[in-house]
Amino acid sequence: MNTWRKTVLFFFCALCIVASVGAAAHTQTINDSRRNAIVRAIEEVTASVVTINVVEIRRERVIDPFFHNFMGLFDLHPHRPRVRGRAIESIGTGFIFDDRGHILTNFHVIEKADHITSVTLSDGRNLDVEVVGADERTDIAVLRVVSDGALPYARLGDSDALLVGEWAIAIGNPFGAMIQDPQPSVSVGVISANHRRVRREVGGGERLYQGMIQTDAAINPGNSGGPLVNADGQVVGVNTMLFSQSGGHQGLGFAIPVNRARRVADEIIRYGRRRNPWFGFRGEAVSEVNPYTLQQLDIRSDYGVLVTEIHRSSPAYLGGLELGDVILAVNDERVEHPLDIDFINWGLFIGDKVSLDIDRKGNQRRIEFIVEEVGVMTG
């Protein structure tokens, strides 16, 4: 073989090698781009997500025509309906959040349950479960998986550090009764807003839907109780509700911040319940008090909550609050109605510090005290 042919053959082989290496590198680049932060975060959390299998017994009043026709002679009340129970199966979502098998979910997921039959892991295993406790006001419930083996659990992040616009991943079991598959579904969006105050009417005046995380990641029926996850694979919220006129997703989903959920869960695990924080006073909205009464009491503020009752051994009284004071803000949050104070109160924990900005006959001042466990007001 002459020199020219050897040279051509050498360059051809070199070109093939370069092309092969380039193709391999291109394939590797594509694979790397597919396994992005979102994919890795989902892989990290999915195994901890569980389906909560719930049974509700609904009582129905029925008249049995067979019994009436053949046994009517012996029935003093032949048209009296009988009551029977009908089992209604439903599911919700939760996630294991520690190495002891504790599960976080929403209170409303188990609220009407007569029995929680089991939880199903994403790998298909059905495990027994027990209820540790629940708190209706914060809409948090804690369950515990009964298992001798190690269980996968999710890492909890810091919901106070969330950035508007960062990735948000909602994981759960939307319409799970229609899909016979234990694998949870995933939807991806961003953090749309933080510290959202949902109107009191949404929770019926009882649920603490304040300081919520808003996301456009799809949250649908069945997602409740599932984790809202950031791009680092950390749970930052508990998926709770959607706002929709049609019942479907319209880009308005809300989650309970995980920092609050974690503190409620810790209380439930330690005490078997959420200890109720107590201020020790009652009041009325200034806007709803008769103007003549306001004048007689020398109330000069045009908003706030007028203190009408106070317990003399309460934290607020010992901190300096008096009858006739008008509370303008609690922990720097403006208040205009007693329920505004209730919502702030319900979001606190025993031992937390409280500051009240008050107006006392035209003079504004700040008083401080420490939250104690709920007491009984005697006047």
Protein backbone atom coordinates (compact mmCIF):
# COMPACT_ATOMS: atom_id res chain seq x y z
CA MET A 1 0.00 0.00 0.00
CA ASN A 2 1.51 3.31 -1.06
CA THR A 3 1.88 6.34 1.16
CA TRP A 4 -1.12 8.18 -0.32
CA ARG A 5 -3.50 5.29 0.39
CA LYS A 6 -2.13 4.93 3.93
CA THR A 7 -2.73 8.62 4.55
CA VAL A 8 -6.32 8.46 3.28
CA LEU A 9 -7.03 5.36 5.38
CA PHE A 10 -5.56 7.02 8.47
CA PHE A 11 -7.72 10.12 8.11
CA PHE A 12 -10.83 8.01 7.43
CA CYS A 13 -10.29 5.98 10.61
CA ALA A 14 -9.62 9.14 12.59
CA LEU A 15 -12.83 10.69 11.24
CA CYS A 16 -14.83 7.61 12.27
CA ILE A 17 -13.39 7.76 15.78
CA VAL A 18 -14.16 11.46 16.11
CA ALA A 19 -17.70 10.92 14.83
CA SER A 20 -18.24 8.06 17.25
CA VAL A 21 -16.93 10.07 20.19
CA GLY A 22 -19.04 13.05 19.14
CA ALA A 23 -22.18 10.93 18.90
CA ALA A 24 -21.54 9.44 22.33
CA ALA A 25 -20.93 12.89 23.81
CA HIS A 26 -24.12 14.17 22.15
CA THR A 27 -26.13 11.27 23.59
CA GLN A 28 -24.62 11.90 27.02
CA THR A 29 -25.53 15.59 26.79
CA ILE A 30 -29.14 14.72 25.95
CA ASN A 31 -29.32 12.24 28.83
CA ASP A 32 -27.86 14.80 31.22
CA SER A 33 -30.40 17.41 30.12
CA ARG A 34 -33.26 14.96 30.61
CA ARG A 35 -32.19 14.19 34.16
CA ASN A 36 -32.51 17.79 35.28
CA ALA A 37 -33.11 19.12 38.80
CA ILE A 38 -36.87 18.63 38.52
CA VAL A 39 -36.51 14.96 37.59
CA ARG A 40 -34.02 14.35 40.40
CA ALA A 41 -36.25 16.11 42.93
CA ILE A 42 -39.24 13.97 41.92
CA GLU A 43 -37.18 10.79 42.16
CA GLU A 44 -36.03 11.76 45.65
CA VAL A 45 -39.50 12.40 47.06
CA THR A 46 -41.85 10.04 45.20
CA ALA A 47 -41.03 6.95 47.28
CA SER A 48 -42.20 8.75 50.46
CA VAL A 49 -45.64 9.63 49.04
CA VAL A 50 -48.49 7.39 50.15
CA THR A 51 -52.10 6.83 49.20
CA ILE A 52 -54.39 6.97 52.25
CA ASN A 53 -57.27 4.51 51.88
CA VAL A 54 -60.34 5.77 53.75
CA VAL A 55 -63.76 4.24 54.40
CA GLU A 56 -66.77 6.33 55.41
CA ILE A 57 -69.97 4.65 56.57
CA ARG A 58 -72.96 6.67 55.38
CA ARG A 59 -76.25 6.04 57.15
CA GLU A 60 -79.24 5.69 54.83
CA ARG A 61 -82.93 5.43 55.71
CA VAL A 62 -84.65 2.81 53.56
CA ILE A 63 -87.99 0.98 53.39
CA ASP A 64 -87.67 -2.67 52.43
CA PRO A 65 -90.69 -3.53 50.19
CA PHE A 66 -90.07 -7.28 50.56
CA PHE A 67 -90.18 -7.05 54.35
CA HIS A 68 -93.32 -4.85 54.22
CA ASN A 69 -95.25 -7.17 51.86
CA PHE A 70 -94.58 -10.41 53.70
CA MET A 71 -94.13 -9.34 57.26
CA GLY A 72 -96.46 -6.34 57.45
CA LEU A 73 -98.95 -8.20 59.65
CA PHE A 74 -96.35 -8.38 62.39
CA ASP A 75 -94.97 -4.84 62.03
CA LEU A 76 -96.73 -2.21 64.09
CA HIS A 77 -95.09 0.47 61.92
CA PRO A 78 -94.99 -1.01 58.40
CA HIS A 79 -93.85 2.26 56.78
CA ARG A 80 -91.14 3.02 59.32
CA PRO A 81 -87.81 3.27 57.46
CA ARG A 82 -84.85 1.23 58.57
CA VAL A 83 -81.30 2.60 58.76
CA ARG A 84 -78.46 0.84 57.06
CA GLY A 85 -74.83 1.73 56.52
CA ARG A 86 -73.22 2.03 53.11
CA ALA A 87 -69.42 1.95 52.88
CA ILE A 88 -67.98 4.75 50.76
CA GLU A 89 -64.33 4.27 49.83
CA SER A 90 -62.12 7.24 49.03
CA ILE A 91 -58.46 8.11 49.00
CA GLY A 92 -56.20 10.97 49.89
CA THR A 93 -52.51 11.68 49.81
CA GLY A 94 -49.86 11.96 52.48
CA PHE A 95 -46.10 11.63 52.77
CA ILE A 96 -43.72 10.02 55.27
CA PHE A 97 -41.55 12.73 56.80
CA ASP A 98 -39.34 10.99 59.36
CA ASP A 99 -37.57 7.70 60.04
CA ARG A 100 -40.27 6.64 62.52
CA GLY A 101 -42.90 6.30 59.79
CA HIS A 102 -44.93 9.42 60.62
CA ILE A 103 -47.13 10.70 57.80
CA LEU A 104 -48.25 14.29 57.22
CA THR A 105 -51.60 14.92 55.54
CA ASN A 106 -54.59 17.27 55.75
CA PHE A 107 -57.18 16.94 58.48
CA HIS A 108 -59.95 17.15 55.88
CA VAL A 109 -58.57 14.01 54.17
CA ILE A 110 -59.52 11.89 57.21
CA GLU A 111 -62.21 14.15 58.70
CA LYS A 112 -65.18 11.97 57.71
CA ALA A 113 -63.37 8.66 57.90
CA ASP A 114 -64.89 5.89 60.00
CA HIS A 115 -61.86 3.75 59.26
CA ILE A 116 -58.49 4.18 57.58
CA THR A 117 -57.89 0.76 56.11
CA SER A 118 -54.26 1.18 55.08
CA VAL A 119 -51.75 3.27 53.23
CA THR A 120 -50.29 2.26 49.89
CA LEU A 121 -46.69 3.08 49.04
CA SER A 122 -45.64 3.98 45.51
CA ASP A 123 -44.05 0.52 45.14
CA GLY A 124 -47.47 -1.09 45.70
CA ARG A 125 -47.05 -2.21 49.32
CA ASN A 126 -50.12 -1.89 51.57
CA LEU A 127 -49.27 -1.19 55.20
CA ASP A 128 -51.36 -0.76 58.33
CA VAL A 129 -51.61 2.74 59.72
CA GLU A 130 -52.75 4.42 62.94
CA VAL A 131 -53.91 7.97 63.63
CA VAL A 132 -51.56 9.85 65.96
CA GLY A 133 -53.67 13.01 66.12
CA ALA A 134 -55.10 15.91 64.15
CA ASP A 135 -55.78 19.63 64.36
CA GLU A 136 -58.85 20.93 62.53
CA ARG A 137 -57.93 24.61 62.65
CA THR A 138 -54.58 24.21 60.92
CA ASP A 139 -55.96 21.36 58.74
CA ILE A 140 -53.08 19.06 59.68
CA ALA A 141 -53.22 15.38 60.62
CA VAL A 142 -50.45 12.97 61.56
CA LEU A 143 -50.61 9.21 60.95
CA ARG A 144 -48.01 6.52 61.59
CA VAL A 145 -47.21 3.55 59.42
CA VAL A 146 -47.07 0.26 61.29
CA SER A 147 -43.98 -1.44 59.88
CA ASP A 148 -40.91 -3.24 61.21
CA GLY A 149 -38.74 -2.33 58.23
CA ALA A 150 -37.12 0.93 57.17
CA LEU A 151 -39.34 3.27 55.17
CA PRO A 152 -38.45 6.01 52.70
CA TYR A 153 -39.11 9.53 53.97
CA ALA A 154 -38.94 13.02 52.50
CA ARG A 155 -36.60 15.80 53.58
CA LEU A 156 -38.36 18.91 54.89
CA GLY A 157 -37.19 22.29 53.63
CA ASP A 158 -37.61 25.89 54.83
CA SER A 159 -40.86 27.48 53.63
CA ASP A 160 -39.73 30.87 54.99
CA ALA A 161 -36.95 30.92 52.37
CA LEU A 162 -39.21 30.43 49.33
CA LEU A 163 -38.71 32.70 46.32
CA VAL A 164 -41.58 33.79 44.10
CA GLY A 165 -40.89 32.28 40.67
CA GLU A 166 -38.87 29.26 41.80
CA TRP A 167 -39.91 25.78 40.72
CA ALA A 168 -42.74 24.06 42.59
CA ILE A 169 -43.64 20.38 42.19
CA ALA A 170 -47.01 19.08 43.43
CA ILE A 171 -47.11 15.32 44.03
CA GLY A 172 -50.26 13.39 44.89
CA ASN A 173 -53.10 11.13 43.80
CA PRO A 174 -55.59 13.27 41.86
CA PHE A 175 -58.74 11.31 41.00
CA GLY A 176 -56.90 8.29 42.40
CA ALA A 177 -60.06 6.17 42.69
CA MET A 178 -60.25 6.26 38.88
CA ILE A 179 -56.63 5.23 38.37
CA GLN A 180 -55.70 1.80 39.71
CA ASP A 181 -52.01 2.55 40.10
CA PRO A 182 -50.09 3.33 43.33
CA GLN A 183 -47.64 5.64 41.58
CA PRO A 184 -48.36 9.29 42.43
CA SER A 185 -48.88 11.92 39.76
CA VAL A 186 -46.66 14.95 39.36
CA SER A 187 -47.39 18.49 38.19
CA VAL A 188 -44.84 21.26 37.86
CA GLY A 189 -45.19 25.02 38.14
CA VAL A 190 -43.73 27.88 40.14
CA ILE A 191 -44.28 29.57 43.47
CA SER A 192 -46.82 32.21 42.43
CA ALA A 193 -47.00 34.05 45.76
CA ASN A 194 -46.12 33.59 49.40
CA HIS A 195 -47.87 34.49 52.67
CA ARG A 196 -51.30 34.55 51.00
CA ARG A 197 -54.20 35.43 53.32
CA VAL A 198 -57.25 33.45 52.20
CA ARG A 199 -60.63 34.95 53.11
CA ARG A 200 -62.13 33.76 56.40
CA GLU A 201 -65.22 32.41 54.60
CA VAL A 202 -63.12 29.84 52.73
CA GLY A 203 -62.44 27.93 55.94
CA GLY A 204 -65.90 28.52 57.33
CA GLY A 205 -64.39 30.83 59.93
CA GLU A 206 -62.48 27.96 61.56
CA ARG A 207 -59.65 26.84 59.29
CA LEU A 208 -56.33 28.68 59.48
CA TYR A 209 -55.90 29.25 55.75
CA GLN A 210 -53.56 32.20 56.31
CA GLY A 211 -49.95 32.69 55.26
CA MET A 212 -50.48 30.13 52.49
CA ILE A 213 -48.17 29.27 49.59
CA GLN A 214 -49.78 29.90 46.19
CA THR A 215 -48.64 27.88 43.19
CA ASP A 216 -49.75 27.32 39.61
CA ALA A 217 -48.68 23.64 39.78
CA ALA A 218 -51.91 21.71 39.26
CA ILE A 219 -53.59 20.72 42.54
CA ASN A 220 -56.72 18.67 41.96
CA PRO A 221 -59.10 16.61 44.13
CA GLY A 222 -57.06 13.78 45.66
CA ASN A 223 -53.85 15.86 45.83
CA SER A 224 -54.78 17.10 49.30
CA GLY A 225 -52.15 16.17 51.85
CA GLY A 226 -49.44 15.55 49.27
CA PRO A 227 -46.08 17.34 49.28
CA LEU A 228 -45.21 20.55 47.46
CA VAL A 229 -41.53 20.16 46.61
CA ASN A 230 -38.77 22.54 45.54
CA ALA A 231 -36.04 21.85 42.95
CA ASP A 232 -33.71 20.60 45.71
CA GLY A 233 -36.07 17.71 46.50
CA GLN A 234 -37.23 19.24 49.79
CA VAL A 235 -40.86 19.44 50.89
CA VAL A 236 -41.83 23.10 51.36
CA GLY A 237 -45.61 22.76 51.72
CA VAL A 238 -48.61 20.47 52.16
CA ASN A 239 -50.98 20.68 49.19
CA THR A 240 -54.36 21.73 50.54
CA MET A 241 -56.81 23.40 48.18
CA LEU A 242 -57.55 24.83 44.77
CA PHE A 243 -59.64 27.80 43.74
CA SER A 244 -61.83 26.93 40.78
CA GLN A 245 -65.19 27.88 39.33
CA SER A 246 -65.38 24.63 37.38
CA GLY A 247 -63.94 22.18 39.92
CA GLY A 248 -60.81 21.71 37.79
CA HIS A 249 -57.38 23.28 37.92
CA GLN A 250 -57.24 26.96 36.94
CA GLY A 251 -53.75 27.88 38.10
CA LEU A 252 -54.70 28.72 41.69
CA GLY A 253 -53.47 26.12 44.14
CA PHE A 254 -52.57 26.61 47.80
CA ALA A 255 -50.33 24.75 50.22
CA ILE A 256 -49.75 25.00 53.97
CA PRO A 257 -46.15 26.14 54.61
CA VAL A 258 -44.11 23.19 55.85
CA ASN A 259 -42.61 25.20 58.73
CA ARG A 260 -46.08 25.56 60.23
CA ALA A 261 -47.05 21.98 59.41
CA ARG A 262 -43.87 20.67 61.03
CA ARG A 263 -44.52 22.56 64.29
CA VAL A 264 -48.12 21.32 64.43
CA ALA A 265 -46.95 17.77 63.71
CA ASP A 266 -44.31 17.97 66.45
CA GLU A 267 -46.99 19.05 68.95
CA ILE A 268 -49.31 16.23 67.88
CA ILE A 269 -46.56 13.61 68.13
CA ARG A 270 -45.40 14.86 71.53
CA TYR A 271 -48.74 15.62 73.18
CA GLY A 272 -51.25 13.67 71.07
CA ARG A 273 -52.93 16.97 70.16
CA ARG A 274 -52.24 20.54 69.16
CA ARG A 275 -52.08 22.63 72.34
CA ASN A 276 -54.31 25.69 71.91
CA PRO A 277 -52.53 29.02 72.43
CA TRP A 278 -54.34 31.52 74.64
CA PHE A 279 -54.36 35.32 74.80
CA GLY A 280 -57.15 35.56 77.37
CA PHE A 281 -59.41 38.33 76.08
CA ARG A 282 -62.37 38.94 73.78
CA GLY A 283 -63.28 41.95 71.70
CA GLU A 284 -65.48 43.54 69.07
CA ALA A 285 -64.62 45.25 65.80
CA VAL A 286 -64.57 49.03 66.26
CA SER A 287 -66.45 49.35 62.97
CA GLU A 288 -69.35 47.34 64.45
CA VAL A 289 -69.65 49.22 67.76
CA ASN A 290 -72.35 51.88 68.22
CA PRO A 291 -70.81 55.35 67.61
CA TYR A 292 -72.40 56.66 70.81
CA THR A 293 -70.69 53.87 72.80
CA LEU A 294 -67.36 54.70 71.18
CA GLN A 295 -67.80 58.32 72.17
CA GLN A 296 -68.66 57.43 75.77
CA LEU A 297 -65.58 55.19 76.01
CA ASP A 298 -63.39 57.90 74.43
CA ILE A 299 -62.42 55.55 71.58
CA ARG A 300 -60.57 57.60 68.99
CA SER A 301 -59.37 54.93 66.57
CA ASP A 302 -61.50 54.29 63.47
CA TYR A 303 -60.37 50.65 63.13
CA GLY A 304 -59.12 47.78 65.27
CA VAL A 305 -60.60 45.48 67.92
CA LEU A 306 -62.06 46.93 71.12
CA VAL A 307 -61.25 44.80 74.21
CA THR A 308 -64.58 44.05 75.94
CA GLU A 309 -63.60 41.11 78.20
CA ILE A 310 -60.29 40.09 79.72
CA HIS A 311 -59.27 37.34 82.11
CA ARG A 312 -57.26 38.77 85.02
CA SER A 313 -54.82 35.85 85.06
CA SER A 314 -54.36 35.81 81.28
CA PRO A 315 -51.06 36.46 79.49
CA ALA A 316 -52.49 39.58 77.82
CA TYR A 317 -53.71 41.14 81.09
CA LEU A 318 -50.44 40.40 82.87
CA GLY A 319 -48.67 41.96 79.89
CA GLY A 320 -50.57 45.23 80.41
CA LEU A 321 -53.73 44.98 78.24
CA GLU A 322 -56.81 46.68 79.71
CA LEU A 323 -60.55 46.84 79.07
CA GLY A 324 -61.32 49.59 76.56
CA ASP A 325 -57.99 49.26 74.75
CA VAL A 326 -58.21 49.10 70.95
CA ILE A 327 -55.87 46.54 69.38
CA LEU A 328 -54.52 47.87 66.07
CA ALA A 329 -52.01 45.15 65.19
CA VAL A 330 -50.78 41.78 66.45
CA ASN A 331 -47.17 40.90 65.66
CA ASP A 332 -47.15 43.79 63.17
CA GLU A 333 -50.23 42.48 61.33
CA ARG A 334 -53.09 44.99 61.13
CA VAL A 335 -56.35 43.69 62.63
CA GLU A 336 -59.88 44.93 62.04
CA HIS A 337 -62.02 42.02 63.27
CA PRO A 338 -61.78 39.58 66.21
CA LEU A 339 -61.33 36.72 63.75
CA ASP A 340 -58.17 38.41 62.47
CA ILE A 341 -56.76 38.03 65.98
CA ASP A 342 -58.06 34.45 66.22
CA PHE A 343 -56.24 33.51 63.00
CA ILE A 344 -52.97 34.98 64.27
CA ASN A 345 -53.49 33.27 67.63
CA TRP A 346 -54.16 29.87 66.06
CA GLY A 347 -50.94 30.14 64.07
CA LEU A 348 -48.85 30.57 67.22
CA PHE A 349 -47.43 27.98 69.61
CA ILE A 350 -47.02 27.81 73.35
CA GLY A 351 -44.00 29.90 74.34
CA ASP A 352 -44.12 32.25 71.33
CA LYS A 353 -43.77 35.99 71.95
CA VAL A 354 -46.71 38.27 71.06
CA SER A 355 -46.66 42.03 70.58
CA LEU A 356 -49.86 44.12 70.54
CA ASP A 357 -50.00 47.63 69.14
CA ILE A 358 -52.85 49.32 70.97
CA ASP A 359 -54.62 52.65 71.18
CA ARG A 360 -55.57 53.72 74.70
CA LYS A 361 -57.68 56.90 74.61
CA GLY A 362 -55.65 58.33 71.76
CA ASN A 363 -52.23 57.22 73.01
CA GLN A 364 -50.55 54.42 71.08
CA ARG A 365 -48.24 51.95 72.76
CA ARG A 366 -46.94 48.39 72.42
CA ILE A 367 -47.30 45.61 74.98
CA GLU A 368 -45.70 42.16 74.89
CA PHE A 369 -46.36 38.78 76.49
CA ILE A 370 -45.72 35.05 76.01
CA VAL A 371 -48.44 32.72 74.68
CA GLU A 372 -49.71 30.17 77.17
CA GLU A 373 -51.95 27.14 76.80
CA VAL A 374 -55.66 27.83 76.57
CA GLY A 375 -57.50 28.58 79.80
CA VAL A 376 -61.14 29.04 80.73
CA MET A 377 -62.40 32.62 80.91
CA THR A 378 -64.46 33.31 84.01
CA GLY A 379 -64.97 37.06 83.55
